[in-house]
Amino acid sequence: MTVKAKTIANGILRAVGILVGIALVGYFLYKIQSVLAYLSIAAVIALIGRPMVLFLRRKLKFPNTLAVILTMLIMVGVLVGIIALFVPLISEQGKNLSLLNIDALQGNLNALYRQLTEYLGASPVVVNEIIEDTEIEKNILEGLDMGFIPDFLNSFLTLLSTASIGLFSVLFISFFFLKDSKLFQNGLLMFVPKTKESGTVKSIDKINNLLSRYFVGLLLQLFVLFIIYTITLLVVGVENAVVIAFLCALFNIIPYVGPIIGGVLMIVLTMTSFLGMDFSSVILPKTGYVLIGLAIGQLIDNFASQPIIFSNSVKSHPLEIFLIIIIAGLLFGIIGMIVAVPGYTAIKVILKEFLSENKLVKSLTQNL
């Protein structure tokens, strides 16, 4: 009886120790979440840059270090170019949103609101055959303290300075991930039993190849949408068309929800670009042309770009991907939807390597 009680006590202590250890590890990971975010972003950048590094090394016979440096310079140059696109827009919007222009901003929005309600048939109130515009003329921003705008801009600048530190950290880590492609693998193998090392190495190589193709394909998808949106906005005559098109195309990183957000944003920015003009003869037709461009872009994306990416890169059926994204979105929100496809791909590769005889695993991984 004493031996049995001692065994139970040891089991309880062991369970408590395990729970405490898990809690400590979870707390530690929570405290270093920013570092984990840097590592994750750097890993994605390394996967995107990996095909370019391999091309420079194998086709052009560049030394590994030189190939990595050139790849990083190209990627940084693209990033700087993208940021440079936003400078005129931010500068212009900063002037428009300054306190000195709040009254003008309110007046323009009121004018658009009035024209929209008139076009949709909102009849003004008639009293003694005199048309009263009281309700339509009412300030739609009444009760809203517009003083939050400069505070928001100041917060944005503070965030930007903090993000610059994170950007340097991500680029620094990405460089070494590209330079030593086995760095992450060697670190992971420290926690893997000797008998599982061979399978783990095969899984990592397979995951790297699939995810590299996936992220490159995703960039191509965004580029196609960017071109379509840019052409549409330039034809319509929207100011800062390139920047708006890039921003709206970028939202497509978020599956299913992103295109809706990007489309609404593009329509709103189109309408506000023509504030003060006649609604029925100018704003409405131009908004209609933008809707047509959005529809064309989404049709090409849904029936051409996405099937090619999913079938050739992650080798999964579109319906399978749809269900995974929905489940991940319900469980983890927007972040879950973004990481659903690469995460699911990695899990499939690992399952095929270590549970290849399982019937369910066989059916899910037959294309890998």
Protein backbone atom coordinates (compact mmCIF):
# COMPACT_ATOMS: atom_id res chain seq x y z
CA MET A 1 0.00 0.00 0.00
CA THR A 2 2.88 2.34 0.86
CA VAL A 3 4.64 1.55 -2.42
CA LYS A 4 1.43 2.20 -4.36
CA ALA A 5 0.85 5.52 -2.60
CA LYS A 6 4.46 6.52 -3.29
CA THR A 7 4.04 5.65 -6.98
CA ILE A 8 0.87 7.75 -7.19
CA ALA A 9 2.58 10.65 -5.43
CA ASN A 10 5.53 10.46 -7.86
CA GLY A 11 3.13 10.40 -10.79
CA ILE A 12 1.33 13.48 -9.49
CA LEU A 13 4.61 15.30 -8.93
CA ARG A 14 5.76 14.37 -12.43
CA ALA A 15 2.51 15.61 -13.95
CA VAL A 16 2.74 18.86 -11.98
CA GLY A 17 6.36 19.26 -13.08
CA ILE A 18 5.38 18.77 -16.72
CA LEU A 19 2.56 21.30 -16.44
CA VAL A 20 4.86 23.82 -14.75
CA GLY A 21 7.46 23.24 -17.47
CA ILE A 22 4.87 23.77 -20.22
CA ALA A 23 3.65 26.94 -18.50
CA LEU A 24 7.23 28.27 -18.21
CA VAL A 25 7.95 27.49 -21.87
CA GLY A 26 4.69 29.15 -22.89
CA TYR A 27 5.50 32.23 -20.79
CA PHE A 28 9.00 32.37 -22.29
CA LEU A 29 7.64 32.14 -25.84
CA TYR A 30 5.10 34.86 -25.01
CA LYS A 31 7.85 37.19 -23.80
CA ILE A 32 9.93 36.66 -26.95
CA GLN A 33 7.01 36.77 -29.38
CA SER A 34 8.57 39.66 -31.27
CA VAL A 35 11.72 37.60 -31.85
CA LEU A 36 9.60 34.68 -33.05
CA ALA A 37 7.82 37.04 -35.43
CA TYR A 38 11.19 38.24 -36.78
CA LEU A 39 12.29 34.64 -37.30
CA SER A 40 9.06 33.74 -39.08
CA ILE A 41 9.20 36.74 -41.43
CA ALA A 42 12.89 36.11 -42.09
CA ALA A 43 12.12 32.48 -42.94
CA VAL A 44 9.49 33.59 -45.47
CA ILE A 45 11.93 36.08 -47.03
CA ALA A 46 14.59 33.36 -47.21
CA LEU A 47 12.13 31.02 -48.94
CA ILE A 48 11.24 33.72 -51.46
CA GLY A 49 14.90 34.56 -52.11
CA ARG A 50 16.05 30.94 -52.25
CA PRO A 51 15.24 30.37 -55.97
CA MET A 52 17.20 33.50 -56.89
CA VAL A 53 20.20 32.40 -54.84
CA LEU A 54 20.13 28.95 -56.46
CA PHE A 55 19.88 30.52 -59.92
CA LEU A 56 22.90 32.75 -59.28
CA ARG A 57 24.92 29.88 -57.86
CA ARG A 58 24.05 27.16 -60.38
CA LYS A 59 23.47 29.06 -63.60
CA LEU A 60 25.78 32.08 -63.24
CA LYS A 61 28.37 30.31 -61.01
CA PHE A 62 28.34 33.02 -58.33
CA PRO A 63 29.97 32.24 -54.99
CA ASN A 64 27.38 31.53 -52.30
CA THR A 65 28.07 34.69 -50.26
CA LEU A 66 28.02 36.95 -53.32
CA ALA A 67 24.78 35.34 -54.54
CA VAL A 68 23.15 35.94 -51.15
CA ILE A 69 24.36 39.56 -50.98
CA LEU A 70 23.07 40.29 -54.50
CA THR A 71 19.73 38.65 -53.70
CA MET A 72 19.35 40.68 -50.52
CA LEU A 73 20.25 43.90 -52.36
CA ILE A 74 17.61 43.17 -55.01
CA MET A 75 14.97 42.44 -52.37
CA VAL A 76 15.88 45.56 -50.35
CA GLY A 77 15.81 47.60 -53.57
CA VAL A 78 12.29 46.34 -54.32
CA LEU A 79 11.23 47.19 -50.76
CA VAL A 80 12.70 50.70 -51.00
CA GLY A 81 10.96 51.20 -54.33
CA ILE A 82 7.63 50.17 -52.81
CA ILE A 83 8.12 52.54 -49.86
CA ALA A 84 9.08 55.33 -52.26
CA LEU A 85 5.75 54.84 -54.04
CA PHE A 86 3.91 55.65 -50.83
CA VAL A 87 5.87 58.84 -50.02
CA PRO A 88 3.85 61.14 -52.34
CA LEU A 89 0.56 59.63 -51.17
CA ILE A 90 1.47 59.95 -47.47
CA SER A 91 2.71 63.50 -48.01
CA GLU A 92 -0.46 64.50 -49.84
CA GLN A 93 -2.77 62.83 -47.36
CA GLY A 94 -0.84 64.35 -44.48
CA LYS A 95 -1.66 67.80 -45.84
CA ASN A 96 -5.28 66.89 -46.46
CA LEU A 97 -5.72 65.51 -42.96
CA SER A 98 -4.05 68.38 -41.12
CA LEU A 99 -6.15 70.43 -38.75
CA LEU A 100 -6.11 73.37 -41.13
CA ASN A 101 -8.06 71.37 -43.70
CA ILE A 102 -10.58 69.63 -41.46
CA ASP A 103 -13.39 72.01 -42.45
CA ALA A 104 -12.66 71.45 -46.14
CA LEU A 105 -12.59 67.68 -45.59
CA GLN A 106 -15.95 67.81 -43.82
CA GLY A 107 -17.42 69.96 -46.58
CA ASN A 108 -16.24 67.57 -49.31
CA LEU A 109 -17.61 64.53 -47.50
CA ASN A 110 -20.91 66.33 -46.90
CA ALA A 111 -21.12 67.17 -50.60
CA LEU A 112 -20.52 63.55 -51.58
CA TYR A 113 -23.06 62.37 -49.00
CA ARG A 114 -25.65 64.84 -50.30
CA GLN A 115 -25.14 63.85 -53.93
CA LEU A 116 -25.30 60.16 -53.05
CA THR A 117 -28.56 60.48 -51.11
CA GLU A 118 -30.10 62.62 -53.86
CA TYR A 119 -29.11 60.09 -56.52
CA LEU A 120 -30.53 57.19 -54.51
CA GLY A 121 -33.84 59.04 -54.22
CA ALA A 122 -33.69 60.39 -50.67
CA SER A 123 -36.23 63.22 -51.10
CA PRO A 124 -35.57 66.36 -49.11
CA VAL A 125 -38.32 67.51 -46.71
CA VAL A 126 -40.92 69.85 -48.22
CA VAL A 127 -42.58 72.37 -45.93
CA ASN A 128 -44.99 74.94 -47.48
CA GLU A 129 -43.57 74.00 -50.89
CA ILE A 130 -40.14 75.13 -49.76
CA ILE A 131 -37.45 72.48 -49.99
CA GLU A 132 -35.55 72.15 -46.78
CA ASP A 133 -32.14 70.54 -47.00
CA THR A 134 -31.66 70.43 -43.26
CA GLU A 135 -31.16 66.68 -42.97
CA ILE A 136 -28.95 66.36 -46.05
CA GLU A 137 -26.92 69.41 -45.14
CA LYS A 138 -26.35 68.08 -41.63
CA ASN A 139 -22.71 67.52 -40.93
CA ILE A 140 -22.12 63.77 -41.23
CA LEU A 141 -19.03 64.10 -39.07
CA GLU A 142 -20.93 65.83 -36.26
CA GLY A 143 -19.90 64.55 -32.88
CA LEU A 144 -16.63 63.15 -34.19
CA ASP A 145 -13.53 64.77 -32.76
CA MET A 146 -11.29 65.21 -35.78
CA GLY A 147 -8.40 66.07 -33.50
CA PHE A 148 -7.58 62.37 -33.36
CA ILE A 149 -6.03 62.59 -36.86
CA PRO A 150 -2.77 64.37 -35.93
CA ASP A 151 -2.49 62.11 -32.88
CA PHE A 152 -2.89 59.12 -35.17
CA LEU A 153 -0.19 60.45 -37.49
CA ASN A 154 2.19 60.92 -34.55
CA SER A 155 1.48 57.36 -33.37
CA PHE A 156 2.09 56.15 -36.90
CA LEU A 157 5.51 57.82 -37.00
CA THR A 158 6.41 56.26 -33.65
CA LEU A 159 5.34 52.86 -34.96
CA LEU A 160 7.38 53.47 -38.10
CA SER A 161 10.55 54.12 -36.09
CA THR A 162 9.97 50.93 -34.09
CA ALA A 163 9.30 48.98 -37.28
CA SER A 164 12.66 50.13 -38.69
CA ILE A 165 14.41 48.24 -35.88
CA GLY A 166 12.35 45.17 -36.69
CA LEU A 167 13.15 45.55 -40.39
CA PHE A 168 16.88 45.59 -39.69
CA SER A 169 16.52 42.50 -37.50
CA VAL A 170 14.53 40.65 -40.16
CA LEU A 171 17.03 41.49 -42.92
CA PHE A 172 19.96 40.46 -40.71
CA ILE A 173 18.38 37.09 -39.89
CA SER A 174 17.28 36.56 -43.51
CA PHE A 175 20.85 37.05 -44.72
CA PHE A 176 22.14 34.20 -42.57
CA PHE A 177 19.16 31.98 -43.39
CA LEU A 178 20.04 32.41 -47.08
CA LYS A 179 23.78 32.17 -46.57
CA ASP A 180 23.60 28.99 -44.50
CA SER A 181 20.54 27.11 -45.70
CA LYS A 182 21.23 24.38 -43.13
CA LEU A 183 21.20 26.78 -40.18
CA PHE A 184 17.54 26.24 -39.30
CA GLN A 185 17.79 22.55 -40.10
CA ASN A 186 20.79 22.00 -37.80
CA GLY A 187 19.04 23.84 -34.99
CA LEU A 188 15.94 21.68 -35.39
CA LEU A 189 17.92 18.44 -35.50
CA MET A 190 19.21 19.15 -31.99
CA PHE A 191 15.74 18.24 -30.69
CA VAL A 192 15.20 15.21 -32.97
CA PRO A 193 16.22 11.65 -32.05
CA LYS A 194 19.03 10.13 -34.11
CA THR A 195 16.67 7.57 -35.66
CA LYS A 196 14.44 10.35 -37.03
CA GLU A 197 17.15 12.66 -38.40
CA SER A 198 17.13 11.27 -41.93
CA GLY A 199 13.36 11.63 -42.30
CA THR A 200 13.44 15.08 -40.76
CA VAL A 201 16.07 16.27 -43.25
CA LYS A 202 14.01 14.95 -46.18
CA SER A 203 10.90 16.66 -44.83
CA ILE A 204 12.69 20.01 -44.41
CA ASP A 205 14.08 19.88 -47.96
CA LYS A 206 10.65 19.01 -49.36
CA ILE A 207 8.96 21.77 -47.36
CA ASN A 208 11.54 24.32 -48.48
CA ASN A 209 10.98 23.46 -52.15
CA LEU A 210 7.18 23.53 -51.92
CA LEU A 211 6.96 26.72 -49.88
CA SER A 212 9.50 28.50 -52.08
CA ARG A 213 7.31 27.78 -55.09
CA TYR A 214 4.21 28.79 -53.15
CA PHE A 215 5.55 32.19 -52.04
CA VAL A 216 6.98 32.97 -55.48
CA GLY A 217 3.63 32.01 -56.99
CA LEU A 218 1.86 34.22 -54.46
CA LEU A 219 4.04 37.16 -55.47
CA LEU A 220 3.17 36.48 -59.12
CA GLN A 221 -0.52 36.41 -58.21
CA LEU A 222 -0.27 39.79 -56.46
CA PHE A 223 1.71 41.21 -59.40
CA VAL A 224 -1.00 40.19 -61.89
CA LEU A 225 -3.68 41.85 -59.75
CA PHE A 226 -1.48 44.91 -59.32
CA ILE A 227 -1.14 45.30 -63.10
CA ILE A 228 -4.90 44.92 -63.67
CA TYR A 229 -5.79 47.37 -60.90
CA THR A 230 -3.18 49.89 -62.04
CA ILE A 231 -4.45 49.87 -65.62
CA THR A 232 -8.03 50.26 -64.39
CA LEU A 233 -7.26 53.22 -62.12
CA LEU A 234 -5.08 54.93 -64.73
CA VAL A 235 -7.83 54.62 -67.33
CA VAL A 236 -10.36 56.05 -64.88
CA GLY A 237 -7.97 58.87 -63.97
CA VAL A 238 -7.56 58.25 -60.23
CA GLU A 239 -4.63 60.07 -58.60
CA ASN A 240 -1.86 57.91 -57.10
CA ALA A 241 -3.21 54.97 -59.11
CA VAL A 242 -0.05 52.87 -58.72
CA VAL A 243 0.02 53.18 -54.94
CA ILE A 244 -3.70 52.46 -54.53
CA ALA A 245 -3.46 49.46 -56.88
CA PHE A 246 -0.50 48.07 -54.95
CA LEU A 247 -2.23 48.51 -51.60
CA CYS A 248 -5.46 46.88 -52.78
CA ALA A 249 -3.62 44.00 -54.45
CA LEU A 250 -1.64 43.43 -51.24
CA PHE A 251 -4.85 42.70 -49.34
CA ASN A 252 -5.21 39.54 -51.43
CA ILE A 253 -2.64 37.94 -49.14
CA ILE A 254 -5.63 37.39 -46.84
CA PRO A 255 -7.67 34.62 -48.53
CA TYR A 256 -11.32 35.36 -49.40
CA VAL A 257 -11.66 38.32 -47.00
CA GLY A 258 -8.73 40.31 -48.42
CA PRO A 259 -10.17 40.84 -51.92
CA ILE A 260 -13.37 42.26 -50.39
CA ILE A 261 -11.41 44.69 -48.19
CA GLY A 262 -9.20 45.71 -51.12
CA GLY A 263 -12.19 46.18 -53.41
CA VAL A 264 -14.08 48.35 -50.92
CA LEU A 265 -10.95 50.42 -50.30
CA MET A 266 -10.41 50.96 -54.03
CA ILE A 267 -14.01 52.05 -54.55
CA VAL A 268 -13.89 54.46 -51.60
CA LEU A 269 -10.59 55.98 -52.74
CA THR A 270 -11.95 56.32 -56.27
CA MET A 271 -15.01 58.19 -55.06
CA THR A 272 -13.02 60.47 -52.76
CA SER A 273 -10.60 61.24 -55.60
CA PHE A 274 -13.41 63.05 -57.41
CA LEU A 275 -14.95 64.89 -54.48
CA GLY A 276 -16.73 68.05 -55.55
CA MET A 277 -17.65 66.72 -59.01
CA ASP A 278 -21.15 65.73 -60.11
CA PHE A 279 -22.14 62.35 -58.71
CA SER A 280 -24.31 60.99 -61.53
CA SER A 281 -22.14 62.13 -64.46
CA VAL A 282 -18.63 61.71 -63.01
CA ILE A 283 -18.34 59.81 -59.74
CA LEU A 284 -20.83 57.03 -60.46
CA PRO A 285 -19.54 56.11 -63.98
CA LYS A 286 -15.91 56.09 -62.83
CA THR A 287 -16.81 53.93 -59.83
CA GLY A 288 -18.58 51.56 -62.23
CA TYR A 289 -15.45 51.24 -64.38
CA VAL A 290 -13.43 50.44 -61.25
CA LEU A 291 -15.96 47.74 -60.30
CA ILE A 292 -15.54 46.20 -63.75
CA GLY A 293 -11.75 46.21 -63.32
CA LEU A 294 -12.11 44.60 -59.89
CA ALA A 295 -14.38 41.91 -61.33
CA ILE A 296 -11.93 41.13 -64.15
CA GLY A 297 -9.03 40.95 -61.71
CA GLN A 298 -10.87 38.58 -59.37
CA LEU A 299 -12.07 36.36 -62.22
CA ILE A 300 -8.50 35.97 -63.49
CA ASP A 301 -7.26 35.40 -59.95
CA ASN A 302 -9.89 32.81 -59.00
CA PHE A 303 -9.93 30.82 -62.23
CA ALA A 304 -6.30 31.12 -63.37
CA SER A 305 -3.78 32.33 -60.80
CA GLN A 306 -4.95 30.48 -57.69
CA PRO A 307 -5.49 27.04 -59.30
CA ILE A 308 -2.02 27.21 -60.85
CA ILE A 309 -0.40 28.19 -57.54
CA PHE A 310 -2.18 25.54 -55.47
CA SER A 311 -1.75 22.69 -57.98
CA ASN A 312 1.86 23.38 -58.97
CA SER A 313 3.30 24.66 -55.70
CA VAL A 314 1.61 23.07 -52.67
CA LYS A 315 0.03 20.25 -54.70
CA SER A 316 -3.36 20.46 -53.00
CA HIS A 317 -6.88 20.51 -54.41
CA PRO A 318 -8.59 23.96 -54.34
CA LEU A 319 -11.51 22.53 -52.30
CA GLU A 320 -9.05 21.08 -49.82
CA ILE A 321 -7.34 24.47 -49.52
CA PHE A 322 -10.70 26.23 -49.13
CA LEU A 323 -11.70 24.04 -46.18
CA ILE A 324 -8.30 24.42 -44.49
CA ILE A 325 -8.40 28.22 -44.81
CA ILE A 326 -11.95 28.41 -43.42
CA ILE A 327 -11.08 26.16 -40.44
CA ALA A 328 -7.87 28.09 -39.72
CA GLY A 329 -9.78 31.38 -39.95
CA LEU A 330 -12.41 30.19 -37.45
CA LEU A 331 -9.73 29.00 -35.04
CA PHE A 332 -7.08 31.72 -35.33
CA GLY A 333 -8.65 34.62 -37.24
CA ILE A 334 -6.91 36.55 -40.02
CA ILE A 335 -3.42 35.30 -39.08
CA GLY A 336 -4.69 31.73 -39.29
CA MET A 337 -6.05 32.32 -42.80
CA ILE A 338 -2.71 33.74 -43.95
CA VAL A 339 -0.56 30.88 -42.59
CA ALA A 340 -3.10 28.12 -43.32
CA VAL A 341 -1.71 27.04 -46.70
CA PRO A 342 2.03 26.97 -45.84
CA GLY A 343 1.29 25.40 -42.43
CA TYR A 344 -0.94 22.72 -43.95
CA THR A 345 1.67 21.98 -46.61
CA ALA A 346 4.38 21.48 -43.98
CA ILE A 347 2.11 19.18 -41.95
CA LYS A 348 1.31 17.08 -45.04
CA VAL A 349 5.00 16.62 -45.86
CA ILE A 350 5.82 15.57 -42.28
CA LEU A 351 2.90 13.15 -42.14
CA LYS A 352 3.91 11.55 -45.43
CA GLU A 353 7.46 11.06 -44.21
CA PHE A 354 6.63 9.52 -40.83
CA LEU A 355 3.11 8.08 -41.29
CA SER A 356 3.18 7.07 -44.93
CA GLU A 357 1.36 3.77 -44.27
CA ASN A 358 -1.70 5.44 -42.78
CA LYS A 359 -4.70 5.25 -45.15
CA LEU A 360 -5.84 8.84 -44.50
CA VAL A 361 -2.31 10.19 -44.90
CA LYS A 362 -1.94 8.28 -48.18
CA SER A 363 -5.10 9.84 -49.60
CA LEU A 364 -4.08 13.37 -48.55
CA THR A 365 -0.47 13.17 -49.72
CA GLN A 366 -0.76 11.11 -52.92
CA ASN A 367 0.27 14.14 -55.05
CA LEU A 368 3.35 15.02 -52.99
